[in-house]
PDB file of all heavy atoms in Angstrom:
ATOM      1  N   ILE A   1     253.480  91.684  94.588  1.00  0.00           N
ATOM      2  CA  ILE A   1     254.647  92.132  95.309  1.00  0.00           C
ATOM      3  C   ILE A   1     255.858  92.112  94.337  1.00  0.00           C
ATOM      4  O   ILE A   1     256.210  91.087  93.832  1.00  0.00           O
ATOM      5  CB  ILE A   1     254.924  91.183  96.503  1.00  0.00           C
ATOM      6  CG1 ILE A   1     253.740  91.087  97.489  1.00  0.00           C
ATOM      7  CG2 ILE A   1     256.210  91.614  97.197  1.00  0.00           C
ATOM      8  CD1 ILE A   1     253.938  90.046  98.570  1.00  0.00           C
ATOM      9  N   LEU A   2     256.403  93.288  94.125  1.00  0.00           N
ATOM     10  CA  LEU A   2     257.619  93.403  93.243  1.00  0.00           C
ATOM     11  C   LEU A   2     258.810  93.046  94.066  1.00  0.00           C
ATOM     12  O   LEU A   2     259.125  93.712  95.053  1.00  0.00           O
ATOM     13  CB  LEU A   2     257.698  94.824  92.690  1.00  0.00           C
ATOM     14  CG  LEU A   2     258.870  95.042  91.683  1.00  0.00           C
ATOM     15  CD1 LEU A   2     258.683  94.160  90.476  1.00  0.00           C
ATOM     16  CD2 LEU A   2     258.954  96.470  91.326  1.00  0.00           C
ATOM     17  N   VAL A   3     259.500  91.992  93.709  1.00  0.00           N
ATOM     18  CA  VAL A   3     260.637  91.509  94.475  1.00  0.00           C
ATOM     19  C   VAL A   3     261.877  92.258  94.016  1.00  0.00           C
ATOM     20  O   VAL A   3     262.073  92.673  92.916  1.00  0.00           O
ATOM     21  CB  VAL A   3     260.817  90.001  94.346  1.00  0.00           C
ATOM     22  CG1 VAL A   3     259.582  89.226  94.819  1.00  0.00           C
ATOM     23  CG2 VAL A   3     261.169  89.547  92.917  1.00  0.00           C
ATOM     24  N   HIS A   4     262.801  92.395  94.999  1.00  0.00           N
ATOM     25  CA  HIS A   4     264.073  93.117  94.882  1.00  0.00           C
ATOM     26  C   HIS A   4     264.061  94.333  93.887  1.00  0.00           C
ATOM     27  O   HIS A   4     264.851  94.359  92.934  1.00  0.00           O
ATOM     28  CB  HIS A   4     265.211  92.186  94.574  1.00  0.00           C
ATOM     29  CG  HIS A   4     264.962  91.142  93.420  1.00  0.00           C
ATOM     30  ND1 HIS A   4     264.747  91.462  92.171  1.00  0.00           N
ATOM     31  CD2 HIS A   4     265.011  89.754  93.558  1.00  0.00           C
ATOM     32  CE1 HIS A   4     264.616  90.374  91.460  1.00  0.00           C
ATOM     33  NE2 HIS A   4     264.710  89.329  92.242  1.00  0.00           N
ATOM     34  N   PRO A   5     263.222  95.309  94.136  1.00  0.00           N
ATOM     35  CA  PRO A   5     263.193  96.453  93.224  1.00  0.00           C
ATOM     36  C   PRO A   5     264.530  97.260  93.292  1.00  0.00           C
ATOM     37  O   PRO A   5     264.881  97.933  92.328  1.00  0.00           O
ATOM     38  CB  PRO A   5     262.014  97.349  93.842  1.00  0.00           C
ATOM     39  CG  PRO A   5     261.887  96.897  95.180  1.00  0.00           C
ATOM     40  CD  PRO A   5     262.178  95.443  95.190  1.00  0.00           C
ATOM     41  N   GLU A   6     265.265  97.058  94.325  1.00  0.00           N
ATOM     42  CA  GLU A   6     266.551  97.751  94.486  1.00  0.00           C
ATOM     43  C   GLU A   6     267.560  97.272  93.453  1.00  0.00           C
ATOM     44  O   GLU A   6     268.663  97.835  93.347  1.00  0.00           O
ATOM     45  CB  GLU A   6     267.098  97.550  95.883  1.00  0.00           C
ATOM     46  CG  GLU A   6     267.618  96.195  96.302  1.00  0.00           C
ATOM     47  CD  GLU A   6     266.541  95.198  96.686  1.00  0.00           C
ATOM     48  OE1 GLU A   6     265.332  95.523  96.557  1.00  0.00           O
ATOM     49  OE2 GLU A   6     266.906  94.094  97.121  1.00  0.00           O
ATOM     50  N   ARG A   7     267.300  96.192  92.801  1.00  0.00           N
ATOM     51  CA  ARG A   7     268.229  95.591  91.804  1.00  0.00           C
ATOM     52  C   ARG A   7     267.983  95.998  90.335  1.00  0.00           C
ATOM     53  O   ARG A   7     268.681  95.604  89.489  1.00  0.00           O
ATOM     54  CB  ARG A   7     268.232  94.077  91.944  1.00  0.00           C
ATOM     55  CG  ARG A   7     268.673  93.537  93.266  1.00  0.00           C
ATOM     56  CD  ARG A   7     268.773  92.069  93.337  1.00  0.00           C
ATOM     57  NE  ARG A   7     269.916  91.659  92.485  1.00  0.00           N
ATOM     58  CZ  ARG A   7     270.147  90.370  92.109  1.00  0.00           C
ATOM     59  NH1 ARG A   7     269.280  89.402  92.492  1.00  0.00           N
ATOM     60  NH2 ARG A   7     271.177  90.065  91.365  1.00  0.00           N
ATOM     61  N   TYR A   8     266.947  96.830  90.180  1.00  0.00           N
ATOM     62  CA  TYR A   8     266.641  97.291  88.751  1.00  0.00           C
ATOM     63  C   TYR A   8     267.285  98.623  88.501  1.00  0.00           C
ATOM     64  O   TYR A   8     266.737  99.673  88.886  1.00  0.00           O
ATOM     65  CB  TYR A   8     265.114  97.332  88.600  1.00  0.00           C
ATOM     66  CG  TYR A   8     264.368  96.001  88.964  1.00  0.00           C
ATOM     67  CD1 TYR A   8     263.269  96.020  89.786  1.00  0.00           C
ATOM     68  CD2 TYR A   8     264.911  94.814  88.471  1.00  0.00           C
ATOM     69  CE1 TYR A   8     262.638  94.825  90.094  1.00  0.00           C
ATOM     70  CE2 TYR A   8     264.251  93.589  88.832  1.00  0.00           C
ATOM     71  CZ  TYR A   8     263.145  93.598  89.630  1.00  0.00           C
ATOM     72  OH  TYR A   8     262.547  92.414  89.960  1.00  0.00           O
ATOM     73  N   TYR A   9     268.411  98.551  87.908  1.00  0.00           N
ATOM     74  CA  TYR A   9     269.267  99.769  87.706  1.00  0.00           C
ATOM     75  C   TYR A   9     268.495 100.817  86.905  1.00  0.00           C
ATOM     76  O   TYR A   9     268.807 102.032  87.142  1.00  0.00           O
ATOM     77  CB  TYR A   9     270.542  99.415  86.985  1.00  0.00           C
ATOM     78  CG  TYR A   9     271.621  98.785  87.826  1.00  0.00           C
ATOM     79  CD1 TYR A   9     271.682  97.421  88.037  1.00  0.00           C
ATOM     80  CD2 TYR A   9     272.630  99.593  88.400  1.00  0.00           C
ATOM     81  CE1 TYR A   9     272.621  96.850  88.865  1.00  0.00           C
ATOM     82  CE2 TYR A   9     273.608  99.003  89.170  1.00  0.00           C
ATOM     83  CZ  TYR A   9     273.620  97.628  89.397  1.00  0.00           C
ATOM     84  OH  TYR A   9     274.606  97.083  90.183  1.00  0.00           O
ATOM     85  N   TYR A  10     267.598 100.471  86.043  1.00  0.00           N
ATOM     86  CA  TYR A  10     266.991 101.445  85.170  1.00  0.00           C
ATOM     87  C   TYR A  10     266.073 102.381  85.943  1.00  0.00           C
ATOM     88  O   TYR A  10     265.617 103.454  85.387  1.00  0.00           O
ATOM     89  CB  TYR A  10     266.259 100.831  84.010  1.00  0.00           C
ATOM     90  CG  TYR A  10     265.451  99.585  84.410  1.00  0.00           C
ATOM     91  CD1 TYR A  10     264.167  99.627  84.857  1.00  0.00           C
ATOM     92  CD2 TYR A  10     266.015  98.257  84.229  1.00  0.00           C
ATOM     93  CE1 TYR A  10     263.486  98.528  85.195  1.00  0.00           C
ATOM     94  CE2 TYR A  10     265.342  97.197  84.543  1.00  0.00           C
ATOM     95  CZ  TYR A  10     264.078  97.257  85.025  1.00  0.00           C
ATOM     96  OH  TYR A  10     263.364  96.137  85.360  1.00  0.00           O
ATOM     97  N   TYR A  11     265.793 102.130  87.201  1.00  0.00           N
ATOM     98  CA  TYR A  11     264.993 103.041  88.025  1.00  0.00           C
ATOM     99  C   TYR A  11     265.879 104.026  88.829  1.00  0.00           C
ATOM    100  O   TYR A  11     265.318 104.947  89.433  1.00  0.00           O
ATOM    101  CB  TYR A  11     264.154 102.277  89.005  1.00  0.00           C
ATOM    102  CG  TYR A  11     262.979 101.492  88.366  1.00  0.00           C
ATOM    103  CD1 TYR A  11     262.627 100.203  88.938  1.00  0.00           C
ATOM    104  CD2 TYR A  11     262.289 101.949  87.306  1.00  0.00           C
ATOM    105  CE1 TYR A  11     261.640  99.462  88.378  1.00  0.00           C
ATOM    106  CE2 TYR A  11     261.279 101.198  86.736  1.00  0.00           C
ATOM    107  CZ  TYR A  11     260.907  99.970  87.323  1.00  0.00           C
ATOM    108  OH  TYR A  11     259.890  99.229  86.763  1.00  0.00           O
ATOM    109  N   TYR A  12     267.141 103.822  88.900  1.00  0.00           N
ATOM    110  CA  TYR A  12     267.966 104.555  89.814  1.00  0.00           C
ATOM    111  C   TYR A  12     267.981 106.078  89.556  1.00  0.00           C
ATOM    112  O   TYR A  12     267.978 106.874  90.448  1.00  0.00           O
ATOM    113  CB  TYR A  12     269.450 104.048  89.734  1.00  0.00           C
ATOM    114  CG  TYR A  12     269.708 102.752  90.445  1.00  0.00           C
ATOM    115  CD1 TYR A  12     268.650 101.888  90.807  1.00  0.00           C
ATOM    116  CD2 TYR A  12     271.027 102.381  90.705  1.00  0.00           C
ATOM    117  CE1 TYR A  12     268.921 100.700  91.497  1.00  0.00           C
ATOM    118  CE2 TYR A  12     271.267 101.103  91.295  1.00  0.00           C
ATOM    119  CZ  TYR A  12     270.230 100.313  91.726  1.00  0.00           C
ATOM    120  OH  TYR A  12     270.442  99.125  92.308  1.00  0.00           O
ATOM    121  N   ALA A  13     267.928 106.396  88.260  1.00  0.00           N
ATOM    122  CA  ALA A  13     267.979 107.847  87.920  1.00  0.00           C
ATOM    123  C   ALA A  13     266.655 108.564  88.161  1.00  0.00           C
ATOM    124  O   ALA A  13     266.613 109.782  88.237  1.00  0.00           O
ATOM    125  CB  ALA A  13     268.412 108.034  86.433  1.00  0.00           C
ATOM    126  N   THR A  14     265.546 107.788  88.300  1.00  0.00           N
ATOM    127  CA  THR A  14     264.242 108.346  88.489  1.00  0.00           C
ATOM    128  C   THR A  14     263.531 107.645  89.676  1.00  0.00           C
ATOM    129  O   THR A  14     262.582 106.871  89.475  1.00  0.00           O
ATOM    130  CB  THR A  14     263.353 108.207  87.205  1.00  0.00           C
ATOM    131  OG1 THR A  14     263.361 106.796  86.805  1.00  0.00           O
ATOM    132  CG2 THR A  14     263.958 109.028  86.099  1.00  0.00           C
ATOM    133  N   PRO A  15     263.993 107.853  90.891  1.00  0.00           N
ATOM    134  CA  PRO A  15     263.442 107.125  92.028  1.00  0.00           C
ATOM    135  C   PRO A  15     261.923 107.407  92.244  1.00  0.00           C
ATOM    136  O   PRO A  15     261.298 106.621  92.918  1.00  0.00           O
ATOM    137  CB  PRO A  15     264.247 107.637  93.210  1.00  0.00           C
ATOM    138  CG  PRO A  15     264.930 108.880  92.772  1.00  0.00           C
ATOM    139  CD  PRO A  15     265.150 108.741  91.283  1.00  0.00           C
ATOM    140  N   GLU A  16     261.450 108.527  91.671  1.00  0.00           N
ATOM    141  CA  GLU A  16     260.034 108.751  91.778  1.00  0.00           C
ATOM    142  C   GLU A  16     259.200 107.678  91.080  1.00  0.00           C
ATOM    143  O   GLU A  16     258.030 107.509  91.378  1.00  0.00           O
ATOM    144  CB  GLU A  16     259.656 110.168  91.203  1.00  0.00           C
ATOM    145  CG  GLU A  16     259.974 110.307  89.751  1.00  0.00           C
ATOM    146  CD  GLU A  16     261.342 110.800  89.397  1.00  0.00           C
ATOM    147  OE1 GLU A  16     262.225 110.748  90.260  1.00  0.00           O
ATOM    148  OE2 GLU A  16     261.562 111.258  88.253  1.00  0.00           O
ATOM    149  N   ARG A  17     259.809 106.929  90.161  1.00  0.00           N
ATOM    150  CA  ARG A  17     259.123 105.830  89.495  1.00  0.00           C
ATOM    151  C   ARG A  17     258.758 104.766  90.484  1.00  0.00           C
ATOM    152  O   ARG A  17     257.715 104.150  90.442  1.00  0.00           O
ATOM    153  CB  ARG A  17     260.012 105.308  88.373  1.00  0.00           C
ATOM    154  CG  ARG A  17     259.393 104.054  87.660  1.00  0.00           C
ATOM    155  CD  ARG A  17     258.107 104.435  86.948  1.00  0.00           C
ATOM    156  NE  ARG A  17     257.630 103.253  86.168  1.00  0.00           N
ATOM    157  CZ  ARG A  17     256.322 102.991  86.017  1.00  0.00           C
ATOM    158  NH1 ARG A  17     255.383 103.765  86.611  1.00  0.00           N
ATOM    159  NH2 ARG A  17     255.864 101.956  85.325  1.00  0.00           N
ATOM    160  N   TYR A  18     259.664 104.533  91.446  1.00  0.00           N
ATOM    161  CA  TYR A  18     259.358 103.615  92.525  1.00  0.00           C
ATOM    162  C   TYR A  18     258.097 103.963  93.279  1.00  0.00           C
ATOM    163  O   TYR A  18     257.232 103.153  93.542  1.00  0.00           O
ATOM    164  CB  TYR A  18     260.529 103.520  93.519  1.00  0.00           C
ATOM    165  CG  TYR A  18     261.717 102.770  93.125  1.00  0.00           C
ATOM    166  CD1 TYR A  18     262.995 103.457  93.009  1.00  0.00           C
ATOM    167  CD2 TYR A  18     261.669 101.400  92.893  1.00  0.00           C
ATOM    168  CE1 TYR A  18     264.100 102.726  92.709  1.00  0.00           C
ATOM    169  CE2 TYR A  18     262.857 100.676  92.520  1.00  0.00           C
ATOM    170  CZ  TYR A  18     264.052 101.363  92.404  1.00  0.00           C
ATOM    171  OH  TYR A  18     265.186 100.687  92.106  1.00  0.00           O
ATOM    172  N   ARG A  19     258.020 105.254  93.608  1.00  0.00           N
ATOM    173  CA  ARG A  19     256.837 105.694  94.367  1.00  0.00           C
ATOM    174  C   ARG A  19     255.579 105.547  93.535  1.00  0.00           C
ATOM    175  O   ARG A  19     254.508 105.190  94.090  1.00  0.00           O
ATOM    176  CB  ARG A  19     257.032 107.200  94.828  1.00  0.00           C
ATOM    177  CG  ARG A  19     255.971 107.632  95.840  1.00  0.00           C
ATOM    178  CD  ARG A  19     256.222 109.039  96.378  1.00  0.00           C
ATOM    179  NE  ARG A  19     257.521 109.147  97.038  1.00  0.00           N
ATOM    180  CZ  ARG A  19     257.722 108.753  98.302  1.00  0.00           C
ATOM    181  NH1 ARG A  19     256.736 108.143  98.954  1.00  0.00           N
ATOM    182  NH2 ARG A  19     258.909 108.918  98.828  1.00  0.00           N
ATOM    183  N   ALA A  20     255.656 105.852  92.261  1.00  0.00           N
ATOM    184  CA  ALA A  20     254.480 105.722  91.371  1.00  0.00           C
ATOM    185  C   ALA A  20     254.000 104.240  91.378  1.00  0.00           C
ATOM    186  O   ALA A  20     252.742 104.006  91.462  1.00  0.00           O
ATOM    187  CB  ALA A  20     254.769 106.212  89.941  1.00  0.00           C
ATOM    188  N   ILE A  21     254.919 103.336  91.257  1.00  0.00           N
ATOM    189  CA  ILE A  21     254.539 101.939  91.244  1.00  0.00           C
ATOM    190  C   ILE A  21     253.915 101.496  92.534  1.00  0.00           C
ATOM    191  O   ILE A  21     252.855 100.835  92.592  1.00  0.00           O
ATOM    192  CB  ILE A  21     255.773 101.053  90.891  1.00  0.00           C
ATOM    193  CG1 ILE A  21     256.304 101.344  89.505  1.00  0.00           C
ATOM    194  CG2 ILE A  21     255.446  99.573  91.035  1.00  0.00           C
ATOM    195  CD1 ILE A  21     257.673 100.750  89.182  1.00  0.00           C
ATOM    196  N   HIS A  22     254.512 101.893  93.626  1.00  0.00           N
ATOM    197  CA  HIS A  22     254.058 101.569  94.944  1.00  0.00           C
ATOM    198  C   HIS A  22     252.697 102.202  95.213  1.00  0.00           C
ATOM    199  O   HIS A  22     251.763 101.572  95.751  1.00  0.00           O
ATOM    200  CB  HIS A  22     255.087 102.009  96.012  1.00  0.00           C
ATOM    201  CG  HIS A  22     254.891 101.446  97.366  1.00  0.00           C
ATOM    202  ND1 HIS A  22     254.164 101.967  98.349  1.00  0.00           N
ATOM    203  CD2 HIS A  22     255.346 100.237  97.839  1.00  0.00           C
ATOM    204  CE1 HIS A  22     254.154 101.208  99.393  1.00  0.00           C
ATOM    205  NE2 HIS A  22     254.879 100.145  99.166  1.00  0.00           N
ATOM    206  N   ASN A  23     252.513 103.472  94.786  1.00  0.00           N
ATOM    207  CA  ASN A  23     251.230 104.147  95.038  1.00  0.00           C
ATOM    208  C   ASN A  23     250.128 103.439  94.224  1.00  0.00           C
ATOM    209  O   ASN A  23     248.935 103.668  94.561  1.00  0.00           O
ATOM    210  CB  ASN A  23     251.383 105.611  94.660  1.00  0.00           C
ATOM    211  CG  ASN A  23     252.098 106.397  95.713  1.00  0.00           C
ATOM    212  OD1 ASN A  23     252.392 105.933  96.765  1.00  0.00           O
ATOM    213  ND2 ASN A  23     252.457 107.650  95.335  1.00  0.00           N
ATOM    214  N   ALA A  24     250.479 102.754  93.181  1.00  0.00           N
ATOM    215  CA  ALA A  24     249.471 102.091  92.363  1.00  0.00           C
ATOM    216  C   ALA A  24     248.991 100.732  92.969  1.00  0.00           C
ATOM    217  O   ALA A  24     248.249  99.986  92.375  1.00  0.00           O
ATOM    218  CB  ALA A  24     250.031 101.777  90.983  1.00  0.00           C
ATOM    219  N   GLY A  25     249.448 100.461  94.192  1.00  0.00           N
ATOM    220  CA  GLY A  25     249.029  99.303  94.898  1.00  0.00           C
ATOM    221  C   GLY A  25     249.924  98.076  94.879  1.00  0.00           C
ATOM    222  O   GLY A  25     249.593  97.020  95.295  1.00  0.00           O
ATOM    223  N   VAL A  26     251.135  98.305  94.372  1.00  0.00           N
ATOM    224  CA  VAL A  26     252.163  97.182  94.278  1.00  0.00           C
ATOM    225  C   VAL A  26     253.042  97.300  95.470  1.00  0.00           C
ATOM    226  O   VAL A  26     253.671  98.358  95.749  1.00  0.00           O
ATOM    227  CB  VAL A  26     252.981  97.350  92.973  1.00  0.00           C
ATOM    228  CG1 VAL A  26     253.966  96.212  92.946  1.00  0.00           C
ATOM    229  CG2 VAL A  26     252.060  97.226  91.781  1.00  0.00           C
ATOM    230  N   GLU A  27     253.128  96.224  96.255  1.00  0.00           N
ATOM    231  CA  GLU A  27     254.042  96.223  97.411  1.00  0.00           C
ATOM    232  C   GLU A  27     255.444  95.806  97.009  1.00  0.00           C
ATOM    233  O   GLU A  27     255.634  95.235  95.928  1.00  0.00           O
ATOM    234  CB  GLU A  27     253.468  95.242  98.441  1.00  0.00           C
ATOM    235  CG  GLU A  27     252.152  95.698  99.067  1.00  0.00           C
ATOM    236  CD  GLU A  27     251.631  94.831 100.188  1.00  0.00           C
ATOM    237  OE1 GLU A  27     251.491  93.590  99.955  1.00  0.00           O
ATOM    238  OE2 GLU A  27     251.417  95.317 101.290  1.00  0.00           O
ATOM    239  N   PHE A  28     256.436  96.249  97.868  1.00  0.00           N
ATOM    240  CA  PHE A  28     257.818  95.944  97.534  1.00  0.00           C
ATOM    241  C   PHE A  28     258.427  95.004  98.590  1.00  0.00           C
ATOM    242  O   PHE A  28     258.187  95.144  99.802  1.00  0.00           O
ATOM    243  CB  PHE A  28     258.613  97.294  97.599  1.00  0.00           C
ATOM    244  CG  PHE A  28     258.369  98.186  96.388  1.00  0.00           C
ATOM    245  CD1 PHE A  28     259.037  99.399  96.313  1.00  0.00           C
ATOM    246  CD2 PHE A  28     257.584  97.807  95.334  1.00  0.00           C
ATOM    247  CE1 PHE A  28     258.836 100.248  95.278  1.00  0.00           C
ATOM    248  CE2 PHE A  28     257.381  98.704  94.266  1.00  0.00           C
ATOM    249  CZ  PHE A  28     258.046  99.922  94.247  1.00  0.00           C
ATOM    250  N   GLN A  29     259.282  94.141  98.121  1.00  0.00           N
ATOM    251  CA  GLN A  29     260.098  93.228  98.926  1.00  0.00           C
ATOM    252  C   GLN A  29     261.527  93.375  98.594  1.00  0.00           C
ATOM    253  O   GLN A  29     261.947  93.146  97.448  1.00  0.00           O
ATOM    254  CB  GLN A  29     259.661  91.772  98.729  1.00  0.00           C
ATOM    255  CG  GLN A  29     260.541  90.773  99.499  1.00  0.00           C
ATOM    256  CD  GLN A  29     261.518  90.002  98.583  1.00  0.00           C
ATOM    257  OE1 GLN A  29     261.070  89.345  97.639  1.00  0.00           O
ATOM    258  NE2 GLN A  29     262.812  90.169  98.792  1.00  0.00           N
ATOM    259  N   ILE A  30     262.324  93.845  99.587  1.00  0.00           N
ATOM    260  CA  ILE A  30     263.799  93.973  99.325  1.00  0.00           C
ATOM    261  C   ILE A  30     264.531  92.756  99.878  1.00  0.00           C
ATOM    262  O   ILE A  30     263.978  92.068 100.734  1.00  0.00           O
ATOM    263  CB  ILE A  30     264.396  95.302  99.919  1.00  0.00           C
ATOM    264  CG1 ILE A  30     264.173  95.319 101.446  1.00  0.00           C
ATOM    265  CG2 ILE A  30     263.711  96.517  99.256  1.00  0.00           C
ATOM    266  CD1 ILE A  30     264.940  96.466 102.074  1.00  0.00           C
TER     267      ILE A  30
END
């Protein structure tokens, strides 16, 4: 479970990176 992904600024410009990580089986906790 990747915690607070919303706090990683380096993903902001490429939000599709979030989807790729999640699609790979990693859950998200905000």
